[in-house]
Amino acid sequence: MEERIFCMSSMLLPPHFQIIDSSSRCFEGDIVYPFAWDEVIARKVGEGLLPPMIHLWRHQRAFVLGLRDRRLPQAEKAMRTFEAEGYAVTVRNSGGAAVPLDPGVLNISIICPNLNRNMSISQDFELMYQVIQAALQAIGGRVQKGEIVGSYCPGDYDLSISGRKFCGIAQRRQIKASIVQAFIVITGSGQARAEQAQRFYEIAAPTEDTKGALDVRLEAMASLAELTGIGTVERFREGLLTFLEGCGGRVMGSDTIARYQQEIKAQSDELKMRYEARR
């Protein structure tokens, strides 16, 4: 039976989890790599070769599509347009829709074993919500969950303050493990990022009645800096790490997973072939 520990009221975190913090420097170029990282490490966690993991990372300039976006009639044209502007573009294999990434966006993955399938999808989403909520307690932001109509990458677990979304959550399930991923818009302009998502759909779905295209409204998005005055990614990151270490997490160096780099590279190539193939 899988162990879980409670931390801060009803929060359910895996015991003895490790934290790999890659966020001090932004990834550049290949945006597939962090998703391949999650995929491979989740398999190792599910096989019992690694403890539960929390992965923090950022990217310099990327645009990540959801599977639904890839099916839009002019998706390839939109992908090429963004690539020509210097974006690293990929299609992720978890749920959700298009998301722009930059240094002001912190990405978090919580990777847990689910050998007995006793963690439901809603429990995984709830765990991520509670972790982010706890990290924000020190600055007094009242975080709400529930879909924000008009936001990019909308879902039932959109996280917002005063009706404006700053975080989206998606999930990927393997046979023996689950990955729940969140993007947190911390600094910069939420509206500017919404404009990028809006522009993607204008190119990928030029007719208004295209099935699967999202109607992104600029006022639906905001950064935590705009909503709370948090100031920097570093301030949020420090609060998050302090909370996670207080729950039993240990920050580890990247050498912890160094032996899996070749496997991550192979997984990256496989994901590109499967989801990025162009006509």
C-alpha atoms as a PDB file:
ATOM      1  CA  MET A   1       0.000   0.000   0.000  1.00  0.00           C
ATOM      2  CA  GLU A   2       1.330   3.441  -0.952  1.00  0.00           C
ATOM      3  CA  GLU A   3       2.258   5.745   1.918  1.00  0.00           C
ATOM      4  CA  ARG A   4       1.158   9.348   2.062  1.00  0.00           C
ATOM      5  CA  ILE A   5       1.801  12.013   4.643  1.00  0.00           C
ATOM      6  CA  PHE A   6      -0.360  14.942   5.622  1.00  0.00           C
ATOM      7  CA  CYS A   7       1.162  18.394   5.653  1.00  0.00           C
ATOM      8  CA  MET A   8      -0.678  21.533   6.644  1.00  0.00           C
ATOM      9  CA  SER A   9      -4.272  20.474   7.308  1.00  0.00           C
ATOM     10  CA  SER A  10      -5.593  18.036   4.719  1.00  0.00           C
ATOM     11  CA  MET A  11      -2.757  18.203   2.192  1.00  0.00           C
ATOM     12  CA  LEU A  12      -1.628  14.796   1.015  1.00  0.00           C
ATOM     13  CA  LEU A  13       2.004  14.582  -0.094  1.00  0.00           C
ATOM     14  CA  PRO A  14       4.118  11.491  -0.720  1.00  0.00           C
ATOM     15  CA  PRO A  15       6.690  10.787   2.007  1.00  0.00           C
ATOM     16  CA  HIS A  16      10.424  11.169   1.374  1.00  0.00           C
ATOM     17  CA  PHE A  17       9.979  13.092  -1.863  1.00  0.00           C
ATOM     18  CA  GLN A  18      12.837  14.816  -3.644  1.00  0.00           C
ATOM     19  CA  ILE A  19      12.913  18.186  -5.386  1.00  0.00           C
ATOM     20  CA  ILE A  20      14.910  18.850  -8.534  1.00  0.00           C
ATOM     21  CA  ASP A  21      15.080  22.608  -9.027  1.00  0.00           C
ATOM     22  CA  SER A  22      16.160  23.468 -12.564  1.00  0.00           C
ATOM     23  CA  SER A  23      14.571  26.913 -12.405  1.00  0.00           C
ATOM     24  CA  SER A  24      17.596  29.010 -11.425  1.00  0.00           C
ATOM     25  CA  ARG A  25      18.530  29.023 -15.115  1.00  0.00           C
ATOM     26  CA  CYS A  26      16.081  28.933 -17.998  1.00  0.00           C
ATOM     27  CA  PHE A  27      16.124  26.106 -20.520  1.00  0.00           C
ATOM     28  CA  GLU A  28      16.851  27.388 -24.012  1.00  0.00           C
ATOM     29  CA  GLY A  29      16.098  25.790 -27.348  1.00  0.00           C
ATOM     30  CA  ASP A  30      14.451  22.378 -27.202  1.00  0.00           C
ATOM     31  CA  ILE A  31      11.199  22.704 -25.228  1.00  0.00           C
ATOM     32  CA  VAL A  32      10.465  18.977 -25.527  1.00  0.00           C
ATOM     33  CA  TYR A  33      13.223  18.145 -23.030  1.00  0.00           C
ATOM     34  CA  PRO A  34      11.389  18.991 -19.755  1.00  0.00           C
ATOM     35  CA  PHE A  35       8.354  16.962 -20.848  1.00  0.00           C
ATOM     36  CA  ALA A  36      10.581  14.020 -21.789  1.00  0.00           C
ATOM     37  CA  TRP A  37      12.263  14.460 -18.377  1.00  0.00           C
ATOM     38  CA  ASP A  38       8.911  14.126 -16.624  1.00  0.00           C
ATOM     39  CA  GLU A  39       7.962  11.102 -18.723  1.00  0.00           C
ATOM     40  CA  VAL A  40      11.157   9.152 -18.009  1.00  0.00           C
ATOM     41  CA  ILE A  41      11.398  10.086 -14.334  1.00  0.00           C
ATOM     42  CA  ALA A  42       7.738   9.127 -13.821  1.00  0.00           C
ATOM     43  CA  ARG A  43       8.498   5.649 -15.153  1.00  0.00           C
ATOM     44  CA  LYS A  44      11.392   5.319 -12.696  1.00  0.00           C
ATOM     45  CA  VAL A  45       9.191   6.539  -9.838  1.00  0.00           C
ATOM     46  CA  GLY A  46       6.490   4.048 -10.819  1.00  0.00           C
ATOM     47  CA  GLU A  47       9.050   1.240 -10.925  1.00  0.00           C
ATOM     48  CA  GLY A  48      10.352   2.175  -7.465  1.00  0.00           C
ATOM     49  CA  LEU A  49      13.793   3.169  -8.765  1.00  0.00           C
ATOM     50  CA  LEU A  50      13.334   6.774  -7.660  1.00  0.00           C
ATOM     51  CA  PRO A  51      11.314   8.377  -4.869  1.00  0.00           C
ATOM     52  CA  PRO A  52       8.425  10.730  -5.689  1.00  0.00           C
ATOM     53  CA  MET A  53       9.747  13.850  -7.406  1.00  0.00           C
ATOM     54  CA  ILE A  54       8.861  17.508  -7.723  1.00  0.00           C
ATOM     55  CA  HIS A  55      10.455  19.246 -10.704  1.00  0.00           C
ATOM     56  CA  LEU A  56      10.756  23.041 -11.073  1.00  0.00           C
ATOM     57  CA  TRP A  57      11.803  24.565 -14.382  1.00  0.00           C
ATOM     58  CA  ARG A  58      11.554  27.592 -16.676  1.00  0.00           C
ATOM     59  CA  HIS A  59      12.126  28.219 -20.383  1.00  0.00           C
ATOM     60  CA  GLN A  60      13.527  31.291 -22.103  1.00  0.00           C
ATOM     61  CA  ARG A  61      11.005  31.524 -24.951  1.00  0.00           C
ATOM     62  CA  ALA A  62       8.570  28.748 -25.855  1.00  0.00           C
ATOM     63  CA  PHE A  63       5.042  28.070 -27.008  1.00  0.00           C
ATOM     64  CA  VAL A  64       3.531  24.742 -25.955  1.00  0.00           C
ATOM     65  CA  LEU A  65       0.438  23.364 -27.673  1.00  0.00           C
ATOM     66  CA  GLY A  66      -2.063  20.899 -26.269  1.00  0.00           C
ATOM     67  CA  LEU A  67      -3.186  17.878 -28.274  1.00  0.00           C
ATOM     68  CA  ARG A  68      -6.461  19.653 -29.108  1.00  0.00           C
ATOM     69  CA  ASP A  69      -4.540  22.570 -30.629  1.00  0.00           C
ATOM     70  CA  ARG A  70      -2.497  20.291 -32.891  1.00  0.00           C
ATOM     71  CA  ARG A  71      -5.717  19.201 -34.611  1.00  0.00           C
ATOM     72  CA  LEU A  72      -6.714  22.728 -35.666  1.00  0.00           C
ATOM     73  CA  PRO A  73      -6.769  23.179 -39.468  1.00  0.00           C
ATOM     74  CA  GLN A  74      -3.854  25.648 -39.663  1.00  0.00           C
ATOM     75  CA  ALA A  75      -1.919  24.463 -36.607  1.00  0.00           C
ATOM     76  CA  GLU A  76       1.244  23.793 -38.598  1.00  0.00           C
ATOM     77  CA  LYS A  77       1.158  27.279 -40.102  1.00  0.00           C
ATOM     78  CA  ALA A  78       0.814  28.767 -36.618  1.00  0.00           C
ATOM     79  CA  MET A  79       3.656  26.608 -35.305  1.00  0.00           C
ATOM     80  CA  ARG A  80       5.954  27.707 -38.137  1.00  0.00           C
ATOM     81  CA  THR A  81       5.001  31.347 -37.561  1.00  0.00           C
ATOM     82  CA  PHE A  82       5.962  31.193 -33.891  1.00  0.00           C
ATOM     83  CA  GLU A  83       9.171  29.288 -34.653  1.00  0.00           C
ATOM     84  CA  ALA A  84      10.159  31.988 -37.152  1.00  0.00           C
ATOM     85  CA  GLU A  85       9.779  34.505 -34.317  1.00  0.00           C
ATOM     86  CA  GLY A  86      12.248  32.610 -32.144  1.00  0.00           C
ATOM     87  CA  TYR A  87       9.878  30.484 -30.073  1.00  0.00           C
ATOM     88  CA  ALA A  88      10.673  26.851 -29.319  1.00  0.00           C
ATOM     89  CA  VAL A  89       7.409  25.084 -30.162  1.00  0.00           C
ATOM     90  CA  THR A  90       6.128  21.656 -29.184  1.00  0.00           C
ATOM     91  CA  VAL A  91       2.993  19.661 -28.410  1.00  0.00           C
ATOM     92  CA  ARG A  92       2.823  18.263 -24.890  1.00  0.00           C
ATOM     93  CA  ASN A  93       1.333  14.848 -24.184  1.00  0.00           C
ATOM     94  CA  SER A  94      -0.652  15.908 -21.123  1.00  0.00           C
ATOM     95  CA  GLY A  95      -4.023  17.627 -21.150  1.00  0.00           C
ATOM     96  CA  GLY A  96      -4.788  21.274 -21.635  1.00  0.00           C
ATOM     97  CA  ALA A  97      -4.268  23.761 -24.439  1.00  0.00           C
ATOM     98  CA  ALA A  98      -1.727  26.294 -25.718  1.00  0.00           C
ATOM     99  CA  VAL A  99       0.552  28.083 -23.230  1.00  0.00           C
ATOM    100  CA  PRO A 100       3.329  30.646 -23.841  1.00  0.00           C
ATOM    101  CA  LEU A 101       6.412  30.239 -21.634  1.00  0.00           C
ATOM    102  CA  ASP A 102       9.148  32.708 -20.701  1.00  0.00           C
ATOM    103  CA  PRO A 103      11.389  33.474 -17.687  1.00  0.00           C
ATOM    104  CA  GLY A 104       8.438  34.908 -15.742  1.00  0.00           C
ATOM    105  CA  VAL A 105       6.585  31.585 -15.816  1.00  0.00           C
ATOM    106  CA  LEU A 106       7.531  28.851 -13.335  1.00  0.00           C
ATOM    107  CA  ASN A 107       6.591  25.281 -14.233  1.00  0.00           C
ATOM    108  CA  ILE A 108       6.036  22.645 -11.558  1.00  0.00           C
ATOM    109  CA  SER A 109       5.618  18.894 -11.990  1.00  0.00           C
ATOM    110  CA  ILE A 110       4.597  16.611  -9.125  1.00  0.00           C
ATOM    111  CA  ILE A 111       5.438  12.998  -9.968  1.00  0.00           C
ATOM    112  CA  CYS A 112       3.999  10.280  -7.736  1.00  0.00           C
ATOM    113  CA  PRO A 113       3.650   6.502  -7.886  1.00  0.00           C
ATOM    114  CA  ASN A 114       0.111   5.276  -8.350  1.00  0.00           C
ATOM    115  CA  LEU A 115       0.622   1.544  -8.198  1.00  0.00           C
ATOM    116  CA  ASN A 116      -2.796   0.706  -6.796  1.00  0.00           C
ATOM    117  CA  ARG A 117      -4.654   3.403  -8.753  1.00  0.00           C
ATOM    118  CA  ASN A 118      -5.887   4.809  -5.440  1.00  0.00           C
ATOM    119  CA  MET A 119      -5.133   8.435  -6.319  1.00  0.00           C
ATOM    120  CA  SER A 120      -7.923   9.867  -8.455  1.00  0.00           C
ATOM    121  CA  ILE A 121      -7.442  12.521 -11.108  1.00  0.00           C
ATOM    122  CA  SER A 122      -9.228  15.075  -8.940  1.00  0.00           C
ATOM    123  CA  GLN A 123      -6.954  14.263  -5.967  1.00  0.00           C
ATOM    124  CA  ASP A 124      -3.863  14.913  -8.078  1.00  0.00           C
ATOM    125  CA  PHE A 125      -5.233  18.265  -9.244  1.00  0.00           C
ATOM    126  CA  GLU A 126      -6.232  19.121  -5.680  1.00  0.00           C
ATOM    127  CA  LEU A 127      -2.711  18.385  -4.439  1.00  0.00           C
ATOM    128  CA  MET A 128      -1.178  20.834  -6.903  1.00  0.00           C
ATOM    129  CA  TYR A 129      -3.758  23.464  -5.991  1.00  0.00           C
ATOM    130  CA  GLN A 130      -2.968  23.092  -2.287  1.00  0.00           C
ATOM    131  CA  VAL A 131       0.801  23.252  -2.849  1.00  0.00           C
ATOM    132  CA  ILE A 132       0.509  26.504  -4.807  1.00  0.00           C
ATOM    133  CA  GLN A 133      -1.992  27.949  -2.356  1.00  0.00           C
ATOM    134  CA  ALA A 134       0.353  27.166   0.549  1.00  0.00           C
ATOM    135  CA  ALA A 135       3.312  28.775  -1.242  1.00  0.00           C
ATOM    136  CA  LEU A 136       1.276  31.978  -1.632  1.00  0.00           C
ATOM    137  CA  GLN A 137       0.001  32.170   1.940  1.00  0.00           C
ATOM    138  CA  ALA A 138       2.888  34.373   3.064  1.00  0.00           C
ATOM    139  CA  ILE A 139       1.884  37.161   0.673  1.00  0.00           C
ATOM    140  CA  GLY A 140      -1.796  36.936   1.518  1.00  0.00           C
ATOM    141  CA  GLY A 141      -3.198  36.158  -1.924  1.00  0.00           C
ATOM    142  CA  ARG A 142      -6.609  34.495  -1.760  1.00  0.00           C
ATOM    143  CA  VAL A 143      -6.403  31.766  -4.396  1.00  0.00           C
ATOM    144  CA  GLN A 144      -9.583  30.468  -5.983  1.00  0.00           C
ATOM    145  CA  LYS A 145     -10.013  27.415  -8.200  1.00  0.00           C
ATOM    146  CA  GLY A 146     -12.461  26.942 -11.040  1.00  0.00           C
ATOM    147  CA  GLU A 147     -12.510  27.605 -14.765  1.00  0.00           C
ATOM    148  CA  ILE A 148     -11.878  31.183 -15.849  1.00  0.00           C
ATOM    149  CA  VAL A 149     -13.829  31.694 -19.067  1.00  0.00           C
ATOM    150  CA  GLY A 150     -11.688  33.351 -21.722  1.00  0.00           C
ATOM    151  CA  SER A 151      -8.348  32.286 -20.243  1.00  0.00           C
ATOM    152  CA  TYR A 152      -5.811  30.316 -22.236  1.00  0.00           C
ATOM    153  CA  CYS A 153      -5.495  26.609 -21.369  1.00  0.00           C
ATOM    154  CA  PRO A 154      -8.806  26.688 -19.440  1.00  0.00           C
ATOM    155  CA  GLY A 155      -9.878  23.945 -17.039  1.00  0.00           C
ATOM    156  CA  ASP A 156     -11.765  23.140 -13.857  1.00  0.00           C
ATOM    157  CA  TYR A 157      -8.593  23.727 -11.836  1.00  0.00           C
ATOM    158  CA  ASP A 158      -7.678  27.148 -13.150  1.00  0.00           C
ATOM    159  CA  LEU A 159      -6.173  29.089 -10.241  1.00  0.00           C
ATOM    160  CA  SER A 160      -7.097  32.749  -9.989  1.00  0.00           C
ATOM    161  CA  ILE A 161      -7.144  35.801  -7.754  1.00  0.00           C
ATOM    162  CA  SER A 162      -9.952  38.347  -8.079  1.00  0.00           C
ATOM    163  CA  GLY A 163     -11.303  36.515 -11.114  1.00  0.00           C
ATOM    164  CA  ARG A 164      -8.094  36.615 -13.160  1.00  0.00           C
ATOM    165  CA  LYS A 165      -6.163  33.441 -13.891  1.00  0.00           C
ATOM    166  CA  PHE A 166      -2.466  33.081 -13.106  1.00  0.00           C
ATOM    167  CA  CYS A 167      -2.049  29.292 -13.157  1.00  0.00           C
ATOM    168  CA  GLY A 168      -3.222  26.306 -15.176  1.00  0.00           C
ATOM    169  CA  ILE A 169      -2.917  22.626 -14.277  1.00  0.00           C
ATOM    170  CA  ALA A 170      -2.747  19.549 -16.518  1.00  0.00           C
ATOM    171  CA  GLN A 171      -2.136  15.871 -15.914  1.00  0.00           C
ATOM    172  CA  ARG A 172      -0.452  12.886 -17.535  1.00  0.00           C
ATOM    173  CA  ARG A 173      -1.052   9.327 -16.294  1.00  0.00           C
ATOM    174  CA  GLN A 174       1.176   6.317 -16.825  1.00  0.00           C
ATOM    175  CA  ILE A 175       0.468   2.736 -15.802  1.00  0.00           C
ATOM    176  CA  LYS A 176       2.312   3.052 -12.464  1.00  0.00           C
ATOM    177  CA  ALA A 177       2.691   6.792 -11.944  1.00  0.00           C
ATOM    178  CA  SER A 178       0.996  10.126 -12.416  1.00  0.00           C
ATOM    179  CA  ILE A 179       2.391  13.524 -13.418  1.00  0.00           C
ATOM    180  CA  VAL A 180       0.501  16.686 -12.568  1.00  0.00           C
ATOM    181  CA  GLN A 181       1.927  19.814 -14.185  1.00  0.00           C
ATOM    182  CA  ALA A 182       1.274  23.493 -13.545  1.00  0.00           C
ATOM    183  CA  PHE A 183       2.387  26.713 -15.179  1.00  0.00           C
ATOM    184  CA  ILE A 184       2.451  29.724 -12.850  1.00  0.00           C
ATOM    185  CA  VAL A 185       2.536  33.199 -14.384  1.00  0.00           C
ATOM    186  CA  ILE A 186       4.562  35.115 -11.793  1.00  0.00           C
ATOM    187  CA  THR A 187       5.994  38.259 -13.384  1.00  0.00           C
ATOM    188  CA  GLY A 188       5.334  40.337 -16.471  1.00  0.00           C
ATOM    189  CA  SER A 189       2.022  40.940 -18.204  1.00  0.00           C
ATOM    190  CA  GLY A 190      -0.737  38.353 -18.194  1.00  0.00           C
ATOM    191  CA  GLN A 191      -2.434  40.263 -20.992  1.00  0.00           C
ATOM    192  CA  ALA A 192       0.663  40.165 -23.215  1.00  0.00           C
ATOM    193  CA  ARG A 193       0.832  36.390 -22.880  1.00  0.00           C
ATOM    194  CA  ALA A 194      -2.900  36.111 -23.583  1.00  0.00           C
ATOM    195  CA  GLU A 195      -2.283  38.107 -26.771  1.00  0.00           C
ATOM    196  CA  GLN A 196       0.208  35.445 -27.900  1.00  0.00           C
ATOM    197  CA  ALA A 197      -2.289  32.656 -27.261  1.00  0.00           C
ATOM    198  CA  GLN A 198      -5.022  34.654 -28.999  1.00  0.00           C
ATOM    199  CA  ARG A 199      -2.755  35.191 -32.023  1.00  0.00           C
ATOM    200  CA  PHE A 200      -2.007  31.470 -32.216  1.00  0.00           C
ATOM    201  CA  TYR A 201      -5.715  30.658 -32.501  1.00  0.00           C
ATOM    202  CA  GLU A 202      -6.266  33.413 -35.056  1.00  0.00           C
ATOM    203  CA  ILE A 203      -3.666  31.746 -37.288  1.00  0.00           C
ATOM    204  CA  ALA A 204      -4.488  28.105 -36.486  1.00  0.00           C
ATOM    205  CA  ALA A 205      -8.265  28.535 -36.750  1.00  0.00           C
ATOM    206  CA  PRO A 206      -8.968  31.473 -39.089  1.00  0.00           C
ATOM    207  CA  THR A 207     -12.728  30.883 -39.225  1.00  0.00           C
ATOM    208  CA  GLU A 208     -14.764  31.690 -36.119  1.00  0.00           C
ATOM    209  CA  ASP A 209     -16.725  28.425 -36.077  1.00  0.00           C
ATOM    210  CA  THR A 210     -13.671  26.130 -36.039  1.00  0.00           C
ATOM    211  CA  LYS A 211     -14.214  23.325 -33.548  1.00  0.00           C
ATOM    212  CA  GLY A 212     -11.587  23.254 -30.793  1.00  0.00           C
ATOM    213  CA  ALA A 213     -10.398  26.851 -31.148  1.00  0.00           C
ATOM    214  CA  LEU A 214     -10.450  28.898 -27.953  1.00  0.00           C
ATOM    215  CA  ASP A 215     -11.773  32.424 -27.566  1.00  0.00           C
ATOM    216  CA  VAL A 216      -9.012  33.984 -25.461  1.00  0.00           C
ATOM    217  CA  ARG A 217      -9.915  37.219 -23.687  1.00  0.00           C
ATOM    218  CA  LEU A 218      -7.015  39.412 -22.693  1.00  0.00           C
ATOM    219  CA  GLU A 219      -8.541  40.577 -19.409  1.00  0.00           C
ATOM    220  CA  ALA A 220      -8.906  36.989 -18.134  1.00  0.00           C
ATOM    221  CA  MET A 221      -5.174  36.556 -17.468  1.00  0.00           C
ATOM    222  CA  ALA A 222      -2.799  38.254 -15.030  1.00  0.00           C
ATOM    223  CA  SER A 223       0.547  37.577 -13.389  1.00  0.00           C
ATOM    224  CA  LEU A 224       1.033  37.211  -9.652  1.00  0.00           C
ATOM    225  CA  ALA A 225       3.095  40.405  -9.752  1.00  0.00           C
ATOM    226  CA  GLU A 226       0.053  42.220 -11.137  1.00  0.00           C
ATOM    227  CA  LEU A 227      -2.324  40.567  -8.680  1.00  0.00           C
ATOM    228  CA  THR A 228      -0.288  40.514  -5.469  1.00  0.00           C
ATOM    229  CA  GLY A 229       2.880  42.548  -5.924  1.00  0.00           C
ATOM    230  CA  ILE A 230       4.994  39.432  -5.337  1.00  0.00           C
ATOM    231  CA  GLY A 231       7.767  41.055  -7.348  1.00  0.00           C
ATOM    232  CA  THR A 232      10.022  38.237  -8.545  1.00  0.00           C
ATOM    233  CA  VAL A 233      10.030  34.580  -9.532  1.00  0.00           C
ATOM    234  CA  GLU A 234      12.717  34.076  -6.895  1.00  0.00           C
ATOM    235  CA  ARG A 235      10.422  35.239  -4.104  1.00  0.00           C
ATOM    236  CA  PHE A 236       7.717  32.754  -5.064  1.00  0.00           C
ATOM    237  CA  ARG A 237      10.294  30.004  -5.581  1.00  0.00           C
ATOM    238  CA  GLU A 238      11.794  30.578  -2.130  1.00  0.00           C
ATOM    239  CA  GLY A 239       8.371  30.395  -0.501  1.00  0.00           C
ATOM    240  CA  LEU A 240       7.552  27.228  -2.412  1.00  0.00           C
ATOM    241  CA  LEU A 241      10.825  25.507  -1.506  1.00  0.00           C
ATOM    242  CA  THR A 242      10.523  26.514   2.154  1.00  0.00           C
ATOM    243  CA  PHE A 243       7.054  25.010   2.276  1.00  0.00           C
ATOM    244  CA  LEU A 244       8.049  21.793   0.470  1.00  0.00           C
ATOM    245  CA  GLU A 245      11.123  21.262   2.645  1.00  0.00           C
ATOM    246  CA  GLY A 246       8.908  21.769   5.688  1.00  0.00           C
ATOM    247  CA  CYS A 247       6.777  18.906   4.387  1.00  0.00           C
ATOM    248  CA  GLY A 248       9.764  16.565   4.211  1.00  0.00           C
ATOM    249  CA  GLY A 249      11.072  17.278   0.727  1.00  0.00           C
ATOM    250  CA  ARG A 250      14.804  17.297  -0.007  1.00  0.00           C
ATOM    251  CA  VAL A 251      16.339  19.523  -2.669  1.00  0.00           C
ATOM    252  CA  MET A 252      18.690  17.407  -4.772  1.00  0.00           C
ATOM    253  CA  GLY A 253      21.226  18.219  -7.474  1.00  0.00           C
ATOM    254  CA  SER A 254      20.646  17.343 -11.111  1.00  0.00           C
ATOM    255  CA  ASP A 255      23.239  14.563 -10.785  1.00  0.00           C
ATOM    256  CA  THR A 256      20.466  12.584  -9.056  1.00  0.00           C
ATOM    257  CA  ILE A 257      19.024  11.747 -12.464  1.00  0.00           C
ATOM    258  CA  ALA A 258      22.227  12.027 -14.551  1.00  0.00           C
ATOM    259  CA  ARG A 259      22.213   8.311 -15.356  1.00  0.00           C
ATOM    260  CA  TYR A 260      18.899   8.719 -17.166  1.00  0.00           C
ATOM    261  CA  GLN A 261      20.035  11.447 -19.583  1.00  0.00           C
ATOM    262  CA  GLN A 262      20.359   9.130 -22.569  1.00  0.00           C
ATOM    263  CA  GLU A 263      16.899   7.753 -21.920  1.00  0.00           C
ATOM    264  CA  ILE A 264      15.507  11.288 -21.631  1.00  0.00           C
ATOM    265  CA  LYS A 265      17.133  12.191 -24.966  1.00  0.00           C
ATOM    266  CA  ALA A 266      15.588   9.129 -26.627  1.00  0.00           C
ATOM    267  CA  GLN A 267      12.209   9.980 -25.096  1.00  0.00           C
ATOM    268  CA  SER A 268      12.536  13.532 -26.393  1.00  0.00           C
ATOM    269  CA  ASP A 269      13.140  12.259 -29.929  1.00  0.00           C
ATOM    270  CA  GLU A 270      10.151   9.935 -29.641  1.00  0.00           C
ATOM    271  CA  LEU A 271       7.829  12.718 -28.470  1.00  0.00           C
ATOM    272  CA  LYS A 272       8.934  14.921 -31.361  1.00  0.00           C
ATOM    273  CA  MET A 273       8.216  12.187 -33.890  1.00  0.00           C
ATOM    274  CA  ARG A 274       4.844  11.391 -32.369  1.00  0.00           C
ATOM    275  CA  TYR A 275       3.462  14.875 -31.790  1.00  0.00           C
ATOM    276  CA  GLU A 276       5.444  17.333 -33.906  1.00  0.00           C
ATOM    277  CA  ALA A 277       5.522  15.550 -37.260  1.00  0.00           C
ATOM    278  CA  ARG A 278       4.790  18.060 -40.015  1.00  0.00           C
ATOM    279  CA  ARG A 279       3.266  17.418 -43.402  1.00  0.00           C
END
